């Protein structure tokens, strides 16, 4: 029983740490300069992005591409297009988008 309880505690810590690590990565990669988790800044709130793409099975590759390449002159959320982020690798972009899509 102690082993099961210990395993569950470790798993919970790892999962919560992963969520924080992704917010830390978003901060490190400058995402938080234009976005916030729960309110619009320059770009949309991450919770609004998650809500918009909640049922879109093709959201991950689309959003990874937008994170890395920007939106060009296309404005999806307002009057400012998203700029390219050459400092973000594809693996980091995938990690960030997966996290953003879980924000409630």
Protein backbone atom coordinates (compact mmCIF):
# COMPACT_ATOMS: atom_id res chain seq x y z
CA UNK A 1 0.00 0.00 0.00
CA UNK A 2 2.83 2.41 0.84
CA UNK A 3 4.41 1.74 -2.54
CA UNK A 4 1.16 2.56 -4.36
CA UNK A 5 0.69 5.75 -2.33
CA UNK A 6 4.30 6.79 -2.93
CA UNK A 7 3.94 6.12 -6.64
CA UNK A 8 0.82 8.25 -6.84
CA UNK A 9 2.50 11.12 -5.00
CA UNK A 10 5.52 10.98 -7.30
CA UNK A 11 3.29 10.86 -10.39
CA UNK A 12 1.28 13.88 -9.18
CA UNK A 13 4.46 15.84 -8.55
CA UNK A 14 5.82 15.01 -11.97
CA UNK A 15 2.60 16.02 -13.68
CA UNK A 16 2.31 19.31 -11.84
CA UNK A 17 6.00 19.99 -12.45
CA UNK A 18 5.49 19.40 -16.16
CA UNK A 19 2.69 21.97 -16.27
CA UNK A 20 4.90 24.51 -14.51
CA UNK A 21 7.84 23.65 -16.75
CA UNK A 22 5.76 24.54 -19.79
CA UNK A 23 4.79 27.91 -18.35
CA UNK A 24 8.46 28.41 -17.54
CA UNK A 25 9.33 27.50 -21.13
CA UNK A 26 6.71 29.97 -22.39
CA UNK A 27 8.34 32.66 -20.26
CA UNK A 28 11.84 31.70 -21.37
CA UNK A 29 10.84 31.75 -25.07
CA UNK A 30 9.19 35.19 -24.69
CA UNK A 31 5.61 33.94 -25.26
CA UNK A 32 4.50 35.67 -22.07
CA UNK A 33 5.54 39.03 -23.51
CA UNK A 34 2.41 38.98 -25.69
CA UNK A 35 0.23 36.34 -24.01
CA UNK A 36 -1.06 35.50 -20.54
CA UNK A 37 -2.75 32.37 -19.30
CA UNK A 38 -6.10 33.95 -18.45
CA UNK A 39 -6.32 37.38 -20.09
CA UNK A 40 -5.66 39.01 -23.44
CA UNK A 41 -2.43 40.98 -23.61
CA UNK A 42 -1.25 41.73 -27.16
CA UNK A 43 -2.22 38.21 -28.21
CA UNK A 44 -5.09 36.10 -26.94
CA UNK A 45 -5.17 34.43 -23.54
CA UNK A 46 -3.92 30.86 -23.67
CA UNK A 47 -7.23 29.69 -22.17
CA UNK A 48 -9.04 31.28 -25.11
CA UNK A 49 -6.72 29.56 -27.60
CA UNK A 50 -7.38 26.24 -25.83
CA UNK A 51 -11.14 26.81 -25.95
CA UNK A 52 -11.10 27.76 -29.64
CA UNK A 53 -9.13 24.67 -30.67
CA UNK A 54 -10.52 22.18 -28.12
CA UNK A 55 -12.25 20.02 -30.74
CA UNK A 56 -9.88 20.64 -33.65
CA UNK A 57 -7.88 17.45 -34.21
CA UNK A 58 -5.52 19.29 -36.58
CA UNK A 59 -4.77 22.12 -34.16
CA UNK A 60 -1.38 20.85 -33.00
CA UNK A 61 0.50 21.03 -36.34
CA UNK A 62 -1.27 24.25 -37.30
CA UNK A 63 -0.41 26.00 -34.04
CA UNK A 64 3.16 24.65 -33.96
CA UNK A 65 3.65 26.16 -37.41
CA UNK A 66 2.22 29.49 -36.23
CA UNK A 67 4.46 29.56 -33.17
CA UNK A 68 7.55 28.99 -35.29
CA UNK A 69 6.71 30.94 -38.46
CA UNK A 70 4.19 33.48 -37.22
CA UNK A 71 1.00 34.30 -39.08
CA UNK A 72 2.51 36.58 -41.70
CA UNK A 73 0.06 39.36 -42.43
CA UNK A 74 -2.89 37.17 -41.40
CA UNK A 75 -4.53 38.36 -38.19
CA UNK A 76 -6.43 35.58 -36.43
CA UNK A 77 -7.21 37.28 -33.11
CA UNK A 78 -7.22 41.02 -33.63
CA UNK A 79 -5.15 43.74 -35.21
CA UNK A 80 -1.65 42.30 -34.67
CA UNK A 81 -0.23 39.34 -36.58
CA UNK A 82 1.85 36.89 -34.58
CA UNK A 83 5.55 37.27 -35.38
CA UNK A 84 7.85 34.37 -36.19
CA UNK A 85 9.76 32.91 -33.26
CA UNK A 86 13.09 31.59 -34.59
CA UNK A 87 14.31 31.04 -31.01
CA UNK A 88 11.74 28.24 -30.60
CA UNK A 89 12.65 24.78 -31.90
CA UNK A 90 9.99 22.47 -33.32
CA UNK A 91 10.19 20.27 -30.22
CA UNK A 92 9.74 23.30 -27.97
CA UNK A 93 6.86 24.59 -30.09
CA UNK A 94 5.13 21.21 -29.81
CA UNK A 95 5.64 21.20 -26.05
CA UNK A 96 4.31 24.75 -25.75
CA UNK A 97 1.25 24.11 -27.93
CA UNK A 98 0.39 20.89 -26.10
CA UNK A 99 0.52 22.83 -22.86
CA UNK A 100 -1.52 25.76 -24.19
CA UNK A 101 -4.21 23.35 -25.40
CA UNK A 102 -4.62 22.06 -21.82
CA UNK A 103 -5.11 25.49 -20.23
CA UNK A 104 -8.56 25.97 -18.76
